[in-house]
Each structure stands twice: as structure tokens, then as C-alpha cells.
Amino acid sequence: MENRKTKVIIIGAKGMLGREMSEVFSGDDYEAVLWDREQVDIANGAMVTEMIEKEKPNLIINTAAYNAVDKIEEDEGAFELAKKINGEGPLNSASASRKVGATLVHFVSDYVFDGESGEYIETDLPNPISRYGETKLQGEKNVEKNCEKYYLIRTSKIFGPPALSEGAKKSFFETMLELSKTNTSLKVVDGEASCFTYAKDLAKATKKLVEEKFPFGIYHIVNEGAETWFSALEKVFVLAGVKNTKIIPVAASAFLRPAKRPRASILRNTKFPHLRNWEEAVREWLGEK
């Protein structure tokens, strides 16, 4: 008897993380349905429910997010959009998942924490200090309340091959490497320590989480090793052979940014096999670039 393929819907399939999910959830065992903003309005509950009920997937992976952190803080329109995508979107995905009996995977940010304790395990209580963090926490709560079969994956500072979606935000490393081509010096915040996470590694870990049927709940999945923006970039420039651009460490207060950031939001993984060190992942990423 022929084995039935696992049908998976990937929401936000053109994003940096969505791209990698589309890669790993392919092949003989999976039938992947790829949705981005052209196919579905994740904030439209009726549309999400109708489309998911029609497809009847076994697995739904929601990578869609609105992450213009500072814009959300100072622009009411952006805040409303973030509440829809980051808050209501997960609610709609969770409700539809429950209706069809699918497992839901949803991604959350380290910005749900205030940064005061520096390091956080999966059971620590969130306390966001920005509007962006508030919307991501709302999404997390909406999944917990409206779906029994879920994986909430908290992660941070994702880098990897760029998103295919128009106007998508580039990763910090990508942006800085581009700026190094035209600048002899760059000021970089030496603070806000957390873990950099390679999109490809996160996608593979997500597949392992689902396939090996880890218990449902909250997971912290990041590459090993914590860094500030400055300490990480210093290492990336060495690995990338950037020699003509000096990076200057500055305090977070040197930049006028409307949104508060956690002082340190290092996600500690206590429930899942640890990923490789972030520098090893950077070497691979630079090699592929």
C-alpha cells in the first residue's frame, strides 16, 4: 500500500525562513502548498479557514511576520498591521488547524522578553517592552488558546539567503556586508546580546521536531553562542575577508530608535538537541553566497 504524503501548508513561503521551509519540506514524503501574501490574507479569518479546510493539510507552518520594529512603535498604521499579521494571523491559523486536525508550527521572537534577566528558558514569563514584542506575544497566546497540536518556536536574529518577497527586510549580516563595500567605517551597537540563527538550520530543526514527534509546546531554537551586534559582526567580517571597513562599537543610545530593545535576550534551549555554533553556520552561508 502506498504511503500517503504529509500535506504541509507553508504560510509566508517567499520569506527568508519560508524559503528554507519550502526546501526541507519537499521530496517524496511531503506535498507542500506554498502561500504568500498573493495567495492568502492571513489576517482574514474566514479566508484562512476556507482555504485550509479546502486543502485539509496535516501540517501548517506559519512563518509570516511583520517585523518593522521601529515603524510599529511610531506609526499607528504599522502597529495595526502588526497586530493583524503577528497577532490575528496566528489566531486564524490556530483555529483553522484545530478544525482540520492539523499540527501548527508558529515562530515567535526573543523580543517577547524584557531583557532584564539576560537569559531565558522556555518556561520563563514573557514581558515585552516594545509594541512589536506585544504583537508577537499576542500571537503566541492566541496559538496556545486556540490549538492543541502546536509547536511555538522562539528564535532570534535570523540570517540566511534573502527573502524572495518584494520589500522584505534583509538580515543584519547581509545589510552590513553590503554597506562594507561603500563605507570605510560602520558604527555598530555593542549590546543587545542574543543568538544569531541560520534559517537553514532552523528549518531542518523544525522538520526534526515534527517528524520525531517531540511533545507539543514552546521551544527555543537558535544556533549556539551568544553575541552582541558588534561582537558578531566583528567575527563575520573576519570570516568574509572584509578588511577595508572598520567597525566601531557604540552604545545602544547612539542610535535614535523609537522601539526599546531587550538589553540581553539569550534564548536557552533546554528541550531540543542543540544546533551547531552560529559561526560554523555563517561559514556555510558565506560559502554559498
C-alpha atoms as a PDB file:
ATOM      1  CA  MET A   1       0.000   0.000   0.000  1.00  0.00           C
ATOM      2  CA  GLU A   2       1.312   3.418  -0.988  1.00  0.00           C
ATOM      3  CA  ASN A   3       2.291   5.701   1.904  1.00  0.00           C
ATOM      4  CA  ARG A   4       0.259   8.886   1.994  1.00  0.00           C
ATOM      5  CA  LYS A   5       2.310  12.030   1.704  1.00  0.00           C
ATOM      6  CA  THR A   6       2.238  14.533   4.536  1.00  0.00           C
ATOM      7  CA  LYS A   7       0.466  17.606   3.220  1.00  0.00           C
ATOM      8  CA  VAL A   8       2.047  20.784   4.547  1.00  0.00           C
ATOM      9  CA  ILE A   9       0.966  24.389   4.047  1.00  0.00           C
ATOM     10  CA  ILE A  10       3.768  26.930   4.381  1.00  0.00           C
ATOM     11  CA  ILE A  11       2.493  30.466   5.025  1.00  0.00           C
ATOM     12  CA  GLY A  12       4.987  33.206   4.189  1.00  0.00           C
ATOM     13  CA  ALA A  13       6.732  30.908   1.717  1.00  0.00           C
ATOM     14  CA  LYS A  14       8.665  33.717  -0.002  1.00  0.00           C
ATOM     15  CA  GLY A  15      10.230  34.994   3.218  1.00  0.00           C
ATOM     16  CA  MET A  16      13.755  34.159   4.372  1.00  0.00           C
ATOM     17  CA  LEU A  17      12.544  31.408   6.692  1.00  0.00           C
ATOM     18  CA  GLY A  18       9.644  30.366   4.449  1.00  0.00           C
ATOM     19  CA  ARG A  19      12.071  29.700   1.586  1.00  0.00           C
ATOM     20  CA  GLU A  20      14.038  27.267   3.707  1.00  0.00           C
ATOM     21  CA  MET A  21      10.885  25.556   4.962  1.00  0.00           C
ATOM     22  CA  SER A  22       9.835  25.053   1.349  1.00  0.00           C
ATOM     23  CA  GLU A  23      13.202  23.374   0.708  1.00  0.00           C
ATOM     24  CA  VAL A  24      13.218  20.967   3.653  1.00  0.00           C
ATOM     25  CA  PHE A  25       9.526  20.035   3.455  1.00  0.00           C
ATOM     26  CA  SER A  26       9.823  18.776  -0.118  1.00  0.00           C
ATOM     27  CA  GLY A  27      10.615  15.443  -1.710  1.00  0.00           C
ATOM     28  CA  ASP A  28       8.790  12.123  -1.736  1.00  0.00           C
ATOM     29  CA  ASP A  29       7.320  12.329   1.771  1.00  0.00           C
ATOM     30  CA  TYR A  30       5.734  15.765   1.500  1.00  0.00           C
ATOM     31  CA  GLU A  31       3.204  17.600  -0.595  1.00  0.00           C
ATOM     32  CA  ALA A  32       3.940  21.282   0.015  1.00  0.00           C
ATOM     33  CA  VAL A  33       1.385  24.013  -0.602  1.00  0.00           C
ATOM     34  CA  LEU A  34       3.163  27.385  -0.691  1.00  0.00           C
ATOM     35  CA  TRP A  35       1.284  30.550   0.259  1.00  0.00           C
ATOM     36  CA  ASP A  36       2.481  34.104   0.481  1.00  0.00           C
ATOM     37  CA  ARG A  37       0.587  37.398   0.591  1.00  0.00           C
ATOM     38  CA  GLU A  38      -0.522  36.961  -3.050  1.00  0.00           C
ATOM     39  CA  GLN A  39      -2.403  33.788  -2.127  1.00  0.00           C
ATOM     40  CA  VAL A  40      -3.770  34.475   1.345  1.00  0.00           C
ATOM     41  CA  ASP A  41      -4.526  37.356   3.701  1.00  0.00           C
ATOM     42  CA  ILE A  42      -3.515  35.773   6.990  1.00  0.00           C
ATOM     43  CA  ALA A  43      -5.488  38.393   8.939  1.00  0.00           C
ATOM     44  CA  ASN A  44      -8.727  37.375   7.185  1.00  0.00           C
ATOM     45  CA  GLY A  45     -10.090  34.599   9.395  1.00  0.00           C
ATOM     46  CA  ALA A  46     -12.842  33.496   7.008  1.00  0.00           C
ATOM     47  CA  MET A  47     -10.411  33.268   4.088  1.00  0.00           C
ATOM     48  CA  VAL A  48      -7.792  31.349   6.094  1.00  0.00           C
ATOM     49  CA  THR A  49     -10.381  28.878   7.395  1.00  0.00           C
ATOM     50  CA  GLU A  50     -11.940  28.319   3.971  1.00  0.00           C
ATOM     51  CA  MET A  51      -8.588  27.769   2.251  1.00  0.00           C
ATOM     52  CA  ILE A  52      -7.237  25.454   4.939  1.00  0.00           C
ATOM     53  CA  GLU A  53     -10.458  23.422   5.078  1.00  0.00           C
ATOM     54  CA  LYS A  54     -10.254  23.017   1.310  1.00  0.00           C
ATOM     55  CA  GLU A  55      -6.625  21.762   1.433  1.00  0.00           C
ATOM     56  CA  LYS A  56      -7.025  19.602   4.581  1.00  0.00           C
ATOM     57  CA  PRO A  57      -3.295  19.649   5.475  1.00  0.00           C
ATOM     58  CA  ASN A  58      -1.591  17.513   8.109  1.00  0.00           C
ATOM     59  CA  LEU A  59       0.798  20.319   8.991  1.00  0.00           C
ATOM     60  CA  ILE A  60       0.683  24.130   8.828  1.00  0.00           C
ATOM     61  CA  ILE A  61       3.873  26.171   9.166  1.00  0.00           C
ATOM     62  CA  ASN A  62       3.314  29.881   9.690  1.00  0.00           C
ATOM     63  CA  THR A  63       6.443  31.943   9.028  1.00  0.00           C
ATOM     64  CA  ALA A  64       4.557  35.155   8.161  1.00  0.00           C
ATOM     65  CA  ALA A  65       5.509  38.137  10.318  1.00  0.00           C
ATOM     66  CA  TYR A  66       5.636  41.919  10.243  1.00  0.00           C
ATOM     67  CA  ASN A  67       8.916  42.952  11.824  1.00  0.00           C
ATOM     68  CA  ALA A  68       9.494  46.656  11.125  1.00  0.00           C
ATOM     69  CA  VAL A  69      10.212  47.101  14.844  1.00  0.00           C
ATOM     70  CA  ASP A  70      10.701  50.882  14.912  1.00  0.00           C
ATOM     71  CA  LYS A  71       7.963  51.671  12.413  1.00  0.00           C
ATOM     72  CA  ILE A  72       5.491  49.688  14.541  1.00  0.00           C
ATOM     73  CA  GLU A  73       6.466  51.819  17.542  1.00  0.00           C
ATOM     74  CA  GLU A  74       5.853  55.224  15.979  1.00  0.00           C
ATOM     75  CA  ASP A  75       3.318  54.605  13.196  1.00  0.00           C
ATOM     76  CA  GLU A  76      -0.242  53.685  14.214  1.00  0.00           C
ATOM     77  CA  GLY A  77      -0.956  52.164  10.790  1.00  0.00           C
ATOM     78  CA  ALA A  78       2.092  49.921  11.086  1.00  0.00           C
ATOM     79  CA  PHE A  79       1.054  48.945  14.629  1.00  0.00           C
ATOM     80  CA  GLU A  80      -2.404  47.951  13.391  1.00  0.00           C
ATOM     81  CA  LEU A  81      -0.836  45.916  10.584  1.00  0.00           C
ATOM     82  CA  ALA A  82       1.496  44.194  13.056  1.00  0.00           C
ATOM     83  CA  LYS A  83      -1.446  43.330  15.303  1.00  0.00           C
ATOM     84  CA  LYS A  84      -3.191  41.755  12.317  1.00  0.00           C
ATOM     85  CA  ILE A  85      -0.227  39.774  10.963  1.00  0.00           C
ATOM     86  CA  ASN A  86       1.575  38.921  14.222  1.00  0.00           C
ATOM     87  CA  GLY A  87      -1.476  38.613  16.464  1.00  0.00           C
ATOM     88  CA  GLU A  88      -4.607  37.766  14.483  1.00  0.00           C
ATOM     89  CA  GLY A  89      -2.773  35.730  11.827  1.00  0.00           C
ATOM     90  CA  PRO A  90      -1.660  33.071  14.350  1.00  0.00           C
ATOM     91  CA  LEU A  91      -5.183  33.042  15.827  1.00  0.00           C
ATOM     92  CA  ASN A  92      -6.662  32.322  12.388  1.00  0.00           C
ATOM     93  CA  SER A  93      -4.031  29.658  11.641  1.00  0.00           C
ATOM     94  CA  ALA A  94      -4.597  28.021  15.029  1.00  0.00           C
ATOM     95  CA  SER A  95      -8.393  27.953  14.729  1.00  0.00           C
ATOM     96  CA  ALA A  96      -8.227  26.508  11.211  1.00  0.00           C
ATOM     97  CA  SER A  97      -5.580  23.958  12.281  1.00  0.00           C
ATOM     98  CA  ARG A  98      -7.856  22.728  15.047  1.00  0.00           C
ATOM     99  CA  LYS A  99     -10.793  22.387  12.652  1.00  0.00           C
ATOM    100  CA  VAL A 100      -8.897  20.110  10.270  1.00  0.00           C
ATOM    101  CA  GLY A 101      -6.844  18.313  12.946  1.00  0.00           C
ATOM    102  CA  ALA A 102      -3.530  19.655  11.648  1.00  0.00           C
ATOM    103  CA  THR A 103      -0.379  20.370  13.641  1.00  0.00           C
ATOM    104  CA  LEU A 104       0.621  24.052  13.671  1.00  0.00           C
ATOM    105  CA  VAL A 105       4.157  25.412  13.790  1.00  0.00           C
ATOM    106  CA  HIS A 106       4.431  29.123  14.567  1.00  0.00           C
ATOM    107  CA  PHE A 107       7.522  31.288  15.135  1.00  0.00           C
ATOM    108  CA  VAL A 108       7.962  33.840  17.897  1.00  0.00           C
ATOM    109  CA  SER A 109      10.684  36.364  18.721  1.00  0.00           C
ATOM    110  CA  ASP A 110      13.075  36.812  21.645  1.00  0.00           C
ATOM    111  CA  TYR A 111      11.535  40.309  21.821  1.00  0.00           C
ATOM    112  CA  VAL A 112       8.690  38.840  23.906  1.00  0.00           C
ATOM    113  CA  PHE A 113      11.167  39.162  26.814  1.00  0.00           C
ATOM    114  CA  ASP A 114      12.238  42.376  28.548  1.00  0.00           C
ATOM    115  CA  GLY A 115      15.949  41.525  28.608  1.00  0.00           C
ATOM    116  CA  GLU A 116      16.417  42.200  32.306  1.00  0.00           C
ATOM    117  CA  SER A 117      17.497  38.681  33.271  1.00  0.00           C
ATOM    118  CA  GLY A 118      19.658  38.285  30.177  1.00  0.00           C
ATOM    119  CA  GLU A 119      18.951  34.594  29.555  1.00  0.00           C
ATOM    120  CA  TYR A 120      15.589  32.866  29.162  1.00  0.00           C
ATOM    121  CA  ILE A 121      14.380  29.278  29.134  1.00  0.00           C
ATOM    122  CA  GLU A 122      11.115  28.091  27.613  1.00  0.00           C
ATOM    123  CA  THR A 123       9.079  28.418  30.827  1.00  0.00           C
ATOM    124  CA  ASP A 124      10.149  31.989  31.679  1.00  0.00           C
ATOM    125  CA  LEU A 125       7.338  34.526  31.599  1.00  0.00           C
ATOM    126  CA  PRO A 126       7.378  36.945  28.665  1.00  0.00           C
ATOM    127  CA  ASN A 127       7.266  40.680  29.328  1.00  0.00           C
ATOM    128  CA  PRO A 128       7.677  42.631  26.058  1.00  0.00           C
ATOM    129  CA  ILE A 129       8.940  46.221  26.138  1.00  0.00           C
ATOM    130  CA  SER A 130       8.037  47.160  22.552  1.00  0.00           C
ATOM    131  CA  ARG A 131       4.862  47.157  20.503  1.00  0.00           C
ATOM    132  CA  TYR A 132       6.434  44.601  18.174  1.00  0.00           C
ATOM    133  CA  GLY A 133       7.096  42.322  21.148  1.00  0.00           C
ATOM    134  CA  GLU A 134       3.494  42.814  22.300  1.00  0.00           C
ATOM    135  CA  THR A 135       2.117  41.696  18.928  1.00  0.00           C
ATOM    136  CA  LYS A 136       4.358  38.621  18.852  1.00  0.00           C
ATOM    137  CA  LEU A 137       3.297  37.667  22.381  1.00  0.00           C
ATOM    138  CA  GLN A 138      -0.348  38.087  21.399  1.00  0.00           C
ATOM    139  CA  GLY A 139       0.204  35.651  18.533  1.00  0.00           C
ATOM    140  CA  GLU A 140       1.861  33.187  20.899  1.00  0.00           C
ATOM    141  CA  LYS A 141      -1.078  33.388  23.329  1.00  0.00           C
ATOM    142  CA  ASN A 142      -3.595  33.016  20.503  1.00  0.00           C
ATOM    143  CA  VAL A 143      -1.961  29.781  19.384  1.00  0.00           C
ATOM    144  CA  GLU A 144      -1.897  28.379  22.929  1.00  0.00           C
ATOM    145  CA  LYS A 145      -5.571  29.186  23.495  1.00  0.00           C
ATOM    146  CA  ASN A 146      -6.938  28.001  20.147  1.00  0.00           C
ATOM    147  CA  CYS A 147      -4.952  24.920  19.171  1.00  0.00           C
ATOM    148  CA  GLU A 148      -3.950  21.739  20.999  1.00  0.00           C
ATOM    149  CA  LYS A 149      -1.396  20.422  18.497  1.00  0.00           C
ATOM    150  CA  TYR A 150       1.181  23.174  18.193  1.00  0.00           C
ATOM    151  CA  TYR A 151       4.872  23.988  18.287  1.00  0.00           C
ATOM    152  CA  LEU A 152       5.705  27.564  19.244  1.00  0.00           C
ATOM    153  CA  ILE A 153       9.316  28.163  18.273  1.00  0.00           C
ATOM    154  CA  ARG A 154      11.000  31.200  19.792  1.00  0.00           C
ATOM    155  CA  THR A 155      14.066  32.240  17.842  1.00  0.00           C
ATOM    156  CA  SER A 156      16.219  35.327  17.222  1.00  0.00           C
ATOM    157  CA  LYS A 157      18.325  37.291  14.727  1.00  0.00           C
ATOM    158  CA  ILE A 158      17.701  35.106  11.676  1.00  0.00           C
ATOM    159  CA  PHE A 159      20.171  35.231   8.774  1.00  0.00           C
ATOM    160  CA  GLY A 160      20.418  33.306   5.516  1.00  0.00           C
ATOM    161  CA  PRO A 161      19.656  33.570   1.799  1.00  0.00           C
ATOM    162  CA  PRO A 162      17.461  36.644   1.259  1.00  0.00           C
ATOM    163  CA  ALA A 163      13.685  36.531   1.067  1.00  0.00           C
ATOM    164  CA  LEU A 164      12.038  36.365  -2.355  1.00  0.00           C
ATOM    165  CA  SER A 165       9.160  38.632  -1.295  1.00  0.00           C
ATOM    166  CA  GLU A 166       9.213  42.224  -2.511  1.00  0.00           C
ATOM    167  CA  GLY A 167      10.400  44.781   0.047  1.00  0.00           C
ATOM    168  CA  ALA A 168      11.434  42.120   2.580  1.00  0.00           C
ATOM    169  CA  LYS A 169      13.897  43.137   5.274  1.00  0.00           C
ATOM    170  CA  LYS A 170      17.449  41.851   4.740  1.00  0.00           C
ATOM    171  CA  SER A 171      19.318  40.173   7.572  1.00  0.00           C
ATOM    172  CA  PHE A 172      21.720  42.253   9.658  1.00  0.00           C
ATOM    173  CA  PHE A 173      24.753  40.418   8.255  1.00  0.00           C
ATOM    174  CA  GLU A 174      23.591  40.871   4.650  1.00  0.00           C
ATOM    175  CA  THR A 175      22.997  44.601   5.201  1.00  0.00           C
ATOM    176  CA  MET A 176      26.369  45.167   6.867  1.00  0.00           C
ATOM    177  CA  LEU A 177      28.297  43.231   4.231  1.00  0.00           C
ATOM    178  CA  GLU A 178      26.677  45.398   1.536  1.00  0.00           C
ATOM    179  CA  LEU A 179      27.480  48.595   3.469  1.00  0.00           C
ATOM    180  CA  SER A 180      31.112  47.486   3.828  1.00  0.00           C
ATOM    181  CA  LYS A 181      31.524  47.818   0.060  1.00  0.00           C
ATOM    182  CA  THR A 182      30.987  51.583   0.203  1.00  0.00           C
ATOM    183  CA  ASN A 183      31.948  52.569   3.776  1.00  0.00           C
ATOM    184  CA  THR A 184      35.368  52.718   5.458  1.00  0.00           C
ATOM    185  CA  SER A 185      33.771  52.628   8.898  1.00  0.00           C
ATOM    186  CA  LEU A 186      30.471  51.485  10.417  1.00  0.00           C
ATOM    187  CA  LYS A 187      29.081  52.172  13.876  1.00  0.00           C
ATOM    188  CA  VAL A 188      27.519  49.076  15.420  1.00  0.00           C
ATOM    189  CA  VAL A 189      25.733  48.606  18.736  1.00  0.00           C
ATOM    190  CA  ASP A 190      27.857  46.680  21.208  1.00  0.00           C
ATOM    191  CA  GLY A 191      24.893  45.428  23.198  1.00  0.00           C
ATOM    192  CA  GLU A 192      21.549  43.638  22.954  1.00  0.00           C
ATOM    193  CA  ALA A 193      23.149  40.217  23.231  1.00  0.00           C
ATOM    194  CA  SER A 194      21.216  37.284  21.814  1.00  0.00           C
ATOM    195  CA  CYS A 195      21.701  34.317  19.497  1.00  0.00           C
ATOM    196  CA  PHE A 196      22.062  34.525  15.722  1.00  0.00           C
ATOM    197  CA  THR A 197      20.114  31.820  13.903  1.00  0.00           C
ATOM    198  CA  TYR A 198      20.724  30.382  10.433  1.00  0.00           C
ATOM    199  CA  ALA A 199      17.420  29.999   8.569  1.00  0.00           C
ATOM    200  CA  LYS A 200      18.520  26.680   7.024  1.00  0.00           C
ATOM    201  CA  ASP A 201      19.384  25.203  10.417  1.00  0.00           C
ATOM    202  CA  LEU A 202      16.097  26.402  11.873  1.00  0.00           C
ATOM    203  CA  ALA A 203      14.156  24.804   9.014  1.00  0.00           C
ATOM    204  CA  LYS A 204      15.955  21.466   9.467  1.00  0.00           C
ATOM    205  CA  ALA A 205      15.337  21.613  13.221  1.00  0.00           C
ATOM    206  CA  THR A 206      11.638  22.283  12.599  1.00  0.00           C
ATOM    207  CA  LYS A 207      11.447  19.204  10.401  1.00  0.00           C
ATOM    208  CA  LYS A 208      13.125  17.102  13.104  1.00  0.00           C
ATOM    209  CA  LEU A 209      10.736  18.492  15.742  1.00  0.00           C
ATOM    210  CA  VAL A 210       7.699  17.476  13.664  1.00  0.00           C
ATOM    211  CA  GLU A 211       8.947  14.166  12.242  1.00  0.00           C
ATOM    212  CA  GLU A 212      10.266  12.841  15.543  1.00  0.00           C
ATOM    213  CA  LYS A 213       7.029  13.883  17.287  1.00  0.00           C
ATOM    214  CA  PHE A 214       8.533  15.926  20.095  1.00  0.00           C
ATOM    215  CA  PRO A 215       5.909  16.899  22.724  1.00  0.00           C
ATOM    216  CA  PHE A 216       3.791  19.884  21.708  1.00  0.00           C
ATOM    217  CA  GLY A 217       4.596  23.223  23.328  1.00  0.00           C
ATOM    218  CA  ILE A 218       7.170  26.033  23.363  1.00  0.00           C
ATOM    219  CA  TYR A 219      10.747  25.540  22.136  1.00  0.00           C
ATOM    220  CA  HIS A 220      13.767  27.832  21.971  1.00  0.00           C
ATOM    221  CA  ILE A 221      15.650  27.014  18.776  1.00  0.00           C
ATOM    222  CA  VAL A 222      18.705  29.122  17.939  1.00  0.00           C
ATOM    223  CA  ASN A 223      22.282  28.469  16.874  1.00  0.00           C
ATOM    224  CA  GLU A 224      24.635  28.099  19.823  1.00  0.00           C
ATOM    225  CA  GLY A 225      26.706  31.047  21.028  1.00  0.00           C
ATOM    226  CA  ALA A 226      25.501  34.456  22.215  1.00  0.00           C
ATOM    227  CA  GLU A 227      26.827  37.716  20.795  1.00  0.00           C
ATOM    228  CA  THR A 228      26.149  41.430  20.667  1.00  0.00           C
ATOM    229  CA  TRP A 229      25.573  43.037  17.260  1.00  0.00           C
ATOM    230  CA  PHE A 230      29.176  44.312  17.323  1.00  0.00           C
ATOM    231  CA  SER A 231      30.909  41.129  18.527  1.00  0.00           C
ATOM    232  CA  ALA A 232      29.054  39.061  15.933  1.00  0.00           C
ATOM    233  CA  LEU A 233      29.816  41.407  13.050  1.00  0.00           C
ATOM    234  CA  GLU A 234      33.486  41.552  14.028  1.00  0.00           C
ATOM    235  CA  LYS A 235      33.678  37.779  13.538  1.00  0.00           C
ATOM    236  CA  VAL A 236      31.593  37.822  10.332  1.00  0.00           C
ATOM    237  CA  PHE A 237      33.892  40.443   8.748  1.00  0.00           C
ATOM    238  CA  VAL A 238      36.925  38.254   9.543  1.00  0.00           C
ATOM    239  CA  LEU A 239      35.207  35.184   8.066  1.00  0.00           C
ATOM    240  CA  ALA A 240      34.128  37.153   4.977  1.00  0.00           C
ATOM    241  CA  GLY A 241      37.568  38.710   4.493  1.00  0.00           C
ATOM    242  CA  VAL A 242      36.347  42.294   4.913  1.00  0.00           C
ATOM    243  CA  LYS A 243      39.483  44.353   5.613  1.00  0.00           C
ATOM    244  CA  ASN A 244      38.810  47.902   4.451  1.00  0.00           C
ATOM    245  CA  THR A 245      35.885  48.677   6.746  1.00  0.00           C
ATOM    246  CA  LYS A 246      36.445  49.422  10.423  1.00  0.00           C
ATOM    247  CA  ILE A 247      33.579  48.659  12.753  1.00  0.00           C
ATOM    248  CA  ILE A 248      33.206  50.955  15.731  1.00  0.00           C
ATOM    249  CA  PRO A 249      31.398  49.723  18.859  1.00  0.00           C
ATOM    250  CA  VAL A 250      28.815  52.169  20.206  1.00  0.00           C
ATOM    251  CA  ALA A 251      26.177  52.135  22.945  1.00  0.00           C
ATOM    252  CA  ALA A 252      22.560  51.417  22.007  1.00  0.00           C
ATOM    253  CA  SER A 253      21.771  55.035  22.891  1.00  0.00           C
ATOM    254  CA  ALA A 254      23.978  56.214  19.988  1.00  0.00           C
ATOM    255  CA  PHE A 255      21.108  55.469  17.594  1.00  0.00           C
ATOM    256  CA  LEU A 256      17.743  57.156  17.909  1.00  0.00           C
ATOM    257  CA  ARG A 257      15.446  54.157  17.621  1.00  0.00           C
ATOM    258  CA  PRO A 258      11.790  54.534  18.664  1.00  0.00           C
ATOM    259  CA  ALA A 259      11.402  50.959  19.944  1.00  0.00           C
ATOM    260  CA  LYS A 260      13.097  49.684  23.098  1.00  0.00           C
ATOM    261  CA  ARG A 261      15.155  46.520  22.657  1.00  0.00           C
ATOM    262  CA  PRO A 262      15.912  43.897  25.306  1.00  0.00           C
ATOM    263  CA  ARG A 263      19.297  44.547  26.946  1.00  0.00           C
ATOM    264  CA  ALA A 264      20.066  40.831  26.523  1.00  0.00           C
ATOM    265  CA  SER A 265      17.611  38.180  25.339  1.00  0.00           C
ATOM    266  CA  ILE A 266      19.657  34.998  25.062  1.00  0.00           C
ATOM    267  CA  LEU A 267      17.317  32.073  24.411  1.00  0.00           C
ATOM    268  CA  ARG A 268      18.423  28.953  26.247  1.00  0.00           C
ATOM    269  CA  ASN A 269      17.361  25.674  24.660  1.00  0.00           C
ATOM    270  CA  THR A 270      16.535  23.068  27.326  1.00  0.00           C
ATOM    271  CA  LYS A 271      14.158  20.810  25.344  1.00  0.00           C
ATOM    272  CA  PHE A 272      15.664  20.098  21.927  1.00  0.00           C
ATOM    273  CA  PRO A 273      19.064  18.909  20.609  1.00  0.00           C
ATOM    274  CA  HIS A 274      21.334  21.951  20.360  1.00  0.00           C
ATOM    275  CA  LEU A 275      22.132  23.390  16.936  1.00  0.00           C
ATOM    276  CA  ARG A 276      25.713  23.974  15.808  1.00  0.00           C
ATOM    277  CA  ASN A 277      27.582  27.154  16.722  1.00  0.00           C
ATOM    278  CA  TRP A 278      26.448  30.201  14.745  1.00  0.00           C
ATOM    279  CA  GLU A 279      29.968  30.853  13.372  1.00  0.00           C
ATOM    280  CA  GLU A 280      30.031  27.434  11.693  1.00  0.00           C
ATOM    281  CA  ALA A 281      26.653  28.263  10.133  1.00  0.00           C
ATOM    282  CA  VAL A 282      27.984  31.658   8.949  1.00  0.00           C
ATOM    283  CA  ARG A 283      30.901  29.924   7.211  1.00  0.00           C
ATOM    284  CA  GLU A 284      28.444  27.757   5.298  1.00  0.00           C
ATOM    285  CA  TRP A 285      26.237  30.732   4.418  1.00  0.00           C
ATOM    286  CA  LEU A 286      29.213  32.797   3.174  1.00  0.00           C
ATOM    287  CA  GLY A 287      30.435  29.806   1.146  1.00  0.00           C
ATOM    288  CA  GLU A 288      27.061  29.565  -0.575  1.00  0.00           C
ATOM    289  CA  LYS A 289      26.947  33.303  -1.257  1.00  0.00           C
END
